Amino acid sequence: MQSTRPKPLHMLCGREMVIHVIHALHEIEITQTVVVVGHAAEQVTQVVAMHAPKWSNISFA
């Protein structure tokens, strides 16, 4: 990939891919989500915390 943006933060239909995954988890009634961050952890954490819905109960590892 030839991008400076971390993979989970690539845009797809107007929002970050990781946010699409979080919404899909809600559809199957997942009640807690742990996002494992590695490369660009601070950037990924900041974006997910800002854009994830309140019901997603996000934590980071």
PDB file of N, CA and C in Angstrom:
ATOM      1  N   MET A   1       0.844  -1.172   0.000  1.00  0.00           N
ATOM      2  CA  MET A   1       0.000   0.000   0.000  1.00  0.00           C
ATOM      3  C   MET A   1       0.892   1.240   0.000  1.00  0.00           C
ATOM      4  N   GLN A   2       0.568   2.199  -0.808  1.00  0.00           N
ATOM      5  CA  GLN A   2       1.373   3.411  -0.956  1.00  0.00           C
ATOM      6  C   GLN A   2       0.694   4.592  -0.276  1.00  0.00           C
ATOM      7  N   SER A   3       0.398   4.472   0.999  1.00  0.00           N
ATOM      8  CA  SER A   3      -0.327   5.515   1.709  1.00  0.00           C
ATOM      9  C   SER A   3       0.324   5.770   3.060  1.00  0.00           C
ATOM     10  N   THR A   4       0.188   6.991   3.539  1.00  0.00           N
ATOM     11  CA  THR A   4       0.677   7.312   4.880  1.00  0.00           C
ATOM     12  C   THR A   4      -0.393   7.073   5.938  1.00  0.00           C
ATOM     13  N   ARG A   5      -1.619   6.844   5.511  1.00  0.00           N
ATOM     14  CA  ARG A   5      -2.739   6.606   6.431  1.00  0.00           C
ATOM     15  C   ARG A   5      -2.695   5.159   6.922  1.00  0.00           C
ATOM     16  N   PRO A   6      -2.853   4.919   8.230  1.00  0.00           N
ATOM     17  CA  PRO A   6      -2.913   3.537   8.731  1.00  0.00           C
ATOM     18  C   PRO A   6      -4.074   2.774   8.073  1.00  0.00           C
ATOM     19  N   LYS A   7      -3.876   1.500   7.809  1.00  0.00           N
ATOM     20  CA  LYS A   7      -4.888   0.701   7.101  1.00  0.00           C
ATOM     21  C   LYS A   7      -6.286   0.785   7.713  1.00  0.00           C
ATOM     22  N   PRO A   8      -6.450   0.697   9.038  1.00  0.00           N
ATOM     23  CA  PRO A   8      -7.811   0.751   9.586  1.00  0.00           C
ATOM     24  C   PRO A   8      -8.508   2.089   9.360  1.00  0.00           C
ATOM     25  N   LEU A   9      -7.732   3.119   9.032  1.00  0.00           N
ATOM     26  CA  LEU A   9      -8.311   4.449   8.868  1.00  0.00           C
ATOM     27  C   LEU A   9      -8.564   4.825   7.420  1.00  0.00           C
ATOM     28  N   HIS A  10      -8.353   3.890   6.494  1.00  0.00           N
ATOM     29  CA  HIS A  10      -8.679   4.186   5.100  1.00  0.00           C
ATOM     30  C   HIS A  10     -10.185   4.372   4.980  1.00  0.00           C
ATOM     31  N   MET A  11     -10.559   5.336   4.168  1.00  0.00           N
ATOM     32  CA  MET A  11     -11.965   5.694   4.027  1.00  0.00           C
ATOM     33  C   MET A  11     -12.675   4.742   3.066  1.00  0.00           C
ATOM     34  N   LEU A  12     -13.892   4.390   3.426  1.00  0.00           N
ATOM     35  CA  LEU A  12     -14.742   3.541   2.616  1.00  0.00           C
ATOM     36  C   LEU A  12     -16.162   4.064   2.763  1.00  0.00           C
ATOM     37  N   CYS A  13     -16.731   4.551   1.687  1.00  0.00           N
ATOM     38  CA  CYS A  13     -18.095   5.101   1.707  1.00  0.00           C
ATOM     39  C   CYS A  13     -18.254   6.181   2.782  1.00  0.00           C
ATOM     40  N   GLY A  14     -17.256   7.024   2.916  1.00  0.00           N
ATOM     41  CA  GLY A  14     -17.384   8.178   3.797  1.00  0.00           C
ATOM     42  C   GLY A  14     -16.983   7.992   5.247  1.00  0.00           C
ATOM     43  N   ARG A  15     -16.556   6.802   5.636  1.00  0.00           N
ATOM     44  CA  ARG A  15     -16.066   6.622   7.010  1.00  0.00           C
ATOM     45  C   ARG A  15     -14.949   5.586   7.040  1.00  0.00           C
ATOM     46  N   GLU A  16     -14.199   5.614   8.126  1.00  0.00           N
ATOM     47  CA  GLU A  16     -13.045   4.736   8.253  1.00  0.00           C
ATOM     48  C   GLU A  16     -13.477   3.272   8.296  1.00  0.00           C
ATOM     49  N   MET A  17     -12.635   2.400   7.713  1.00  0.00           N
ATOM     50  CA  MET A  17     -12.966   0.970   7.660  1.00  0.00           C
ATOM     51  C   MET A  17     -13.213   0.386   9.044  1.00  0.00           C
ATOM     52  N   VAL A  18     -12.421   0.781  10.025  1.00  0.00           N
ATOM     53  CA  VAL A  18     -12.592   0.241  11.378  1.00  0.00           C
ATOM     54  C   VAL A  18     -13.965   0.608  11.948  1.00  0.00           C
ATOM     55  N   ILE A  19     -14.493   1.754  11.581  1.00  0.00           N
ATOM     56  CA  ILE A  19     -15.822   2.154  12.057  1.00  0.00           C
ATOM     57  C   ILE A  19     -16.894   1.283  11.403  1.00  0.00           C
ATOM     58  N   HIS A  20     -16.694   0.904  10.147  1.00  0.00           N
ATOM     59  CA  HIS A  20     -17.622  -0.039   9.495  1.00  0.00           C
ATOM     60  C   HIS A  20     -17.641  -1.371  10.252  1.00  0.00           C
ATOM     61  N   VAL A  21     -16.476  -1.839  10.669  1.00  0.00           N
ATOM     62  CA  VAL A  21     -16.388  -3.098  11.418  1.00  0.00           C
ATOM     63  C   VAL A  21     -17.134  -2.980  12.744  1.00  0.00           C
ATOM     64  N   ILE A  22     -16.967  -1.869  13.428  1.00  0.00           N
ATOM     65  CA  ILE A  22     -17.648  -1.658  14.712  1.00  0.00           C
ATOM     66  C   ILE A  22     -19.160  -1.685  14.521  1.00  0.00           C
ATOM     67  N   HIS A  23     -19.660  -1.084  13.461  1.00  0.00           N
ATOM     68  CA  HIS A  23     -21.101  -1.116  13.189  1.00  0.00           C
ATOM     69  C   HIS A  23     -21.567  -2.536  12.866  1.00  0.00           C
ATOM     70  N   ALA A  24     -20.756  -3.302  12.149  1.00  0.00           N
ATOM     71  CA  ALA A  24     -21.109  -4.691  11.837  1.00  0.00           C
ATOM     72  C   ALA A  24     -21.182  -5.535  13.107  1.00  0.00           C
ATOM     73  N   LEU A  25     -20.301  -5.272  14.065  1.00  0.00           N
ATOM     74  CA  LEU A  25     -20.335  -6.009  15.334  1.00  0.00           C
ATOM     75  C   LEU A  25     -21.629  -5.740  16.095  1.00  0.00           C
ATOM     76  N   HIS A  26     -22.132  -4.532  15.986  1.00  0.00           N
ATOM     77  CA  HIS A  26     -23.390  -4.185  16.659  1.00  0.00           C
ATOM     78  C   HIS A  26     -24.544  -5.017  16.089  1.00  0.00           C
ATOM     79  N   GLU A  27     -24.511  -5.259  14.789  1.00  0.00           N
ATOM     80  CA  GLU A  27     -25.574  -6.031  14.140  1.00  0.00           C
ATOM     81  C   GLU A  27     -25.647  -7.463  14.663  1.00  0.00           C
ATOM     82  N   ILE A  28     -24.530  -7.996  15.152  1.00  0.00           N
ATOM     83  CA  ILE A  28     -24.553  -9.355  15.703  1.00  0.00           C
ATOM     84  C   ILE A  28     -24.522  -9.332  17.235  1.00  0.00           C
ATOM     85  N   GLU A  29     -24.893  -8.188  17.785  1.00  0.00           N
ATOM     86  CA  GLU A  29     -25.115  -7.997  19.221  1.00  0.00           C
ATOM     87  C   GLU A  29     -23.870  -8.193  20.085  1.00  0.00           C
ATOM     88  N   ILE A  30     -22.724  -7.769  19.583  1.00  0.00           N
ATOM     89  CA  ILE A  30     -21.505  -7.747  20.393  1.00  0.00           C
ATOM     90  C   ILE A  30     -21.621  -6.570  21.355  1.00  0.00           C
ATOM     91  N   THR A  31     -21.346  -6.785  22.626  1.00  0.00           N
ATOM     92  CA  THR A  31     -21.559  -5.730  23.621  1.00  0.00           C
ATOM     93  C   THR A  31     -20.289  -5.006  24.044  1.00  0.00           C
ATOM     94  N   GLN A  32     -19.131  -5.555  23.734  1.00  0.00           N
ATOM     95  CA  GLN A  32     -17.873  -4.891  24.059  1.00  0.00           C
ATOM     96  C   GLN A  32     -16.897  -5.122  22.915  1.00  0.00           C
ATOM     97  N   THR A  33     -16.168  -4.072  22.553  1.00  0.00           N
ATOM     98  CA  THR A  33     -15.230  -4.151  21.446  1.00  0.00           C
ATOM     99  C   THR A  33     -13.845  -3.752  21.923  1.00  0.00           C
ATOM    100  N   VAL A  34     -12.855  -4.579  21.619  1.00  0.00           N
ATOM    101  CA  VAL A  34     -11.460  -4.254  21.914  1.00  0.00           C
ATOM    102  C   VAL A  34     -10.757  -4.048  20.577  1.00  0.00           C
ATOM    103  N   VAL A  35     -10.215  -2.865  20.390  1.00  0.00           N
ATOM    104  CA  VAL A  35      -9.464  -2.552  19.181  1.00  0.00           C
ATOM    105  C   VAL A  35      -7.982  -2.719  19.505  1.00  0.00           C
ATOM    106  N   VAL A  36      -7.338  -3.651  18.828  1.00  0.00           N
ATOM    107  CA  VAL A  36      -5.907  -3.884  19.035  1.00  0.00           C
ATOM    108  C   VAL A  36      -5.158  -2.963  18.083  1.00  0.00           C
ATOM    109  N   VAL A  37      -4.379  -2.061  18.649  1.00  0.00           N
ATOM    110  CA  VAL A  37      -3.663  -1.079  17.836  1.00  0.00           C
ATOM    111  C   VAL A  37      -2.176  -1.391  17.833  1.00  0.00           C
ATOM    112  N   GLY A  38      -1.546  -1.095  16.733  1.00  0.00           N
ATOM    113  CA  GLY A  38      -0.106  -1.314  16.605  1.00  0.00           C
ATOM    114  C   GLY A  38       0.508  -0.078  15.986  1.00  0.00           C
ATOM    115  N   HIS A  39       0.754  -0.154  14.685  1.00  0.00           N
ATOM    116  CA  HIS A  39       1.327   0.969  13.948  1.00  0.00           C
ATOM    117  C   HIS A  39       0.394   2.175  14.033  1.00  0.00           C
ATOM    118  N   ALA A  40       0.947   3.328  14.335  1.00  0.00           N
ATOM    119  CA  ALA A  40       0.184   4.579  14.445  1.00  0.00           C
ATOM    120  C   ALA A  40      -0.930   4.460  15.486  1.00  0.00           C
ATOM    121  N   ALA A  41      -0.625   3.805  16.588  1.00  0.00           N
ATOM    122  CA  ALA A  41      -1.622   3.533  17.630  1.00  0.00           C
ATOM    123  C   ALA A  41      -2.315   4.795  18.119  1.00  0.00           C
ATOM    124  N   GLU A  42      -1.562   5.861  18.319  1.00  0.00           N
ATOM    125  CA  GLU A  42      -2.166   7.094  18.829  1.00  0.00           C
ATOM    126  C   GLU A  42      -3.187   7.661  17.846  1.00  0.00           C
ATOM    127  N   GLN A  43      -2.856   7.649  16.566  1.00  0.00           N
ATOM    128  CA  GLN A  43      -3.765   8.162  15.542  1.00  0.00           C
ATOM    129  C   GLN A  43      -5.022   7.297  15.441  1.00  0.00           C
ATOM    130  N   VAL A  44      -4.846   5.986  15.423  1.00  0.00           N
ATOM    131  CA  VAL A  44      -5.988   5.074  15.326  1.00  0.00           C
ATOM    132  C   VAL A  44      -6.882   5.221  16.554  1.00  0.00           C
ATOM    133  N   THR A  45      -6.291   5.265  17.733  1.00  0.00           N
ATOM    134  CA  THR A  45      -7.055   5.414  18.973  1.00  0.00           C
ATOM    135  C   THR A  45      -7.864   6.699  18.965  1.00  0.00           C
ATOM    136  N   GLN A  46      -7.242   7.776  18.537  1.00  0.00           N
ATOM    137  CA  GLN A  46      -7.918   9.075  18.517  1.00  0.00           C
ATOM    138  C   GLN A  46      -9.115   9.066  17.566  1.00  0.00           C
ATOM    139  N   VAL A  47      -8.936   8.540  16.369  1.00  0.00           N
ATOM    140  CA  VAL A  47     -10.020   8.525  15.385  1.00  0.00           C
ATOM    141  C   VAL A  47     -11.153   7.610  15.836  1.00  0.00           C
ATOM    142  N   VAL A  48     -10.818   6.428  16.332  1.00  0.00           N
ATOM    143  CA  VAL A  48     -11.861   5.496  16.781  1.00  0.00           C
ATOM    144  C   VAL A  48     -12.630   6.093  17.955  1.00  0.00           C
ATOM    145  N   ALA A  49     -11.930   6.667  18.908  1.00  0.00           N
ATOM    146  CA  ALA A  49     -12.600   7.269  20.065  1.00  0.00           C
ATOM    147  C   ALA A  49     -13.528   8.401  19.634  1.00  0.00           C
ATOM    148  N   MET A  50     -13.143   9.127  18.607  1.00  0.00           N
ATOM    149  CA  MET A  50     -13.940  10.260  18.152  1.00  0.00           C
ATOM    150  C   MET A  50     -15.167   9.821  17.338  1.00  0.00           C
ATOM    151  N   HIS A  51     -15.033   8.749  16.556  1.00  0.00           N
ATOM    152  CA  HIS A  51     -16.089   8.371  15.612  1.00  0.00           C
ATOM    153  C   HIS A  51     -16.897   7.135  16.000  1.00  0.00           C
ATOM    154  N   ALA A  52     -16.449   6.373  16.955  1.00  0.00           N
ATOM    155  CA  ALA A  52     -17.188   5.163  17.335  1.00  0.00           C
ATOM    156  C   ALA A  52     -18.468   5.542  18.072  1.00  0.00           C
ATOM    157  N   PRO A  53     -19.558   4.851  17.794  1.00  0.00           N
ATOM    158  CA  PRO A  53     -20.811   5.126  18.497  1.00  0.00           C
ATOM    159  C   PRO A  53     -20.683   4.828  19.992  1.00  0.00           C
ATOM    160  N   LYS A  54     -21.475   5.503  20.790  1.00  0.00           N
ATOM    161  CA  LYS A  54     -21.435   5.327  22.249  1.00  0.00           C
ATOM    162  C   LYS A  54     -21.730   3.884  22.655  1.00  0.00           C
ATOM    163  N   TRP A  55     -22.637   3.213  21.959  1.00  0.00           N
ATOM    164  CA  TRP A  55     -23.029   1.854  22.327  1.00  0.00           C
ATOM    165  C   TRP A  55     -21.923   0.831  22.092  1.00  0.00           C
ATOM    166  N   SER A  56     -20.859   1.201  21.385  1.00  0.00           N
ATOM    167  CA  SER A  56     -19.841   0.216  21.015  1.00  0.00           C
ATOM    168  C   SER A  56     -18.936  -0.210  22.167  1.00  0.00           C
ATOM    169  N   ASN A  57     -18.918   0.546  23.266  1.00  0.00           N
ATOM    170  CA  ASN A  57     -18.148   0.167  24.459  1.00  0.00           C
ATOM    171  C   ASN A  57     -16.715  -0.229  24.083  1.00  0.00           C
ATOM    172  N   ILE A  58     -15.987   0.712  23.495  1.00  0.00           N
ATOM    173  CA  ILE A  58     -14.648   0.475  22.955  1.00  0.00           C
ATOM    174  C   ILE A  58     -13.583   0.517  24.043  1.00  0.00           C
ATOM    175  N   SER A  59     -12.641  -0.411  23.956  1.00  0.00           N
ATOM    176  CA  SER A  59     -11.401  -0.322  24.730  1.00  0.00           C
ATOM    177  C   SER A  59     -10.264  -0.642  23.763  1.00  0.00           C
ATOM    178  N   PHE A  60      -9.064  -0.290  24.156  1.00  0.00           N
ATOM    179  CA  PHE A  60      -7.910  -0.440  23.274  1.00  0.00           C
ATOM    180  C   PHE A  60      -6.848  -1.313  23.925  1.00  0.00           C
ATOM    181  N   ALA A  61      -6.156  -2.088  23.099  1.00  0.00           N
ATOM    182  CA  ALA A  61      -5.057  -2.936  23.587  1.00  0.00           C
ATOM    183  C   ALA A  61      -3.883  -2.822  22.640  1.00  0.00           C
TER     184      ALA A  61
END
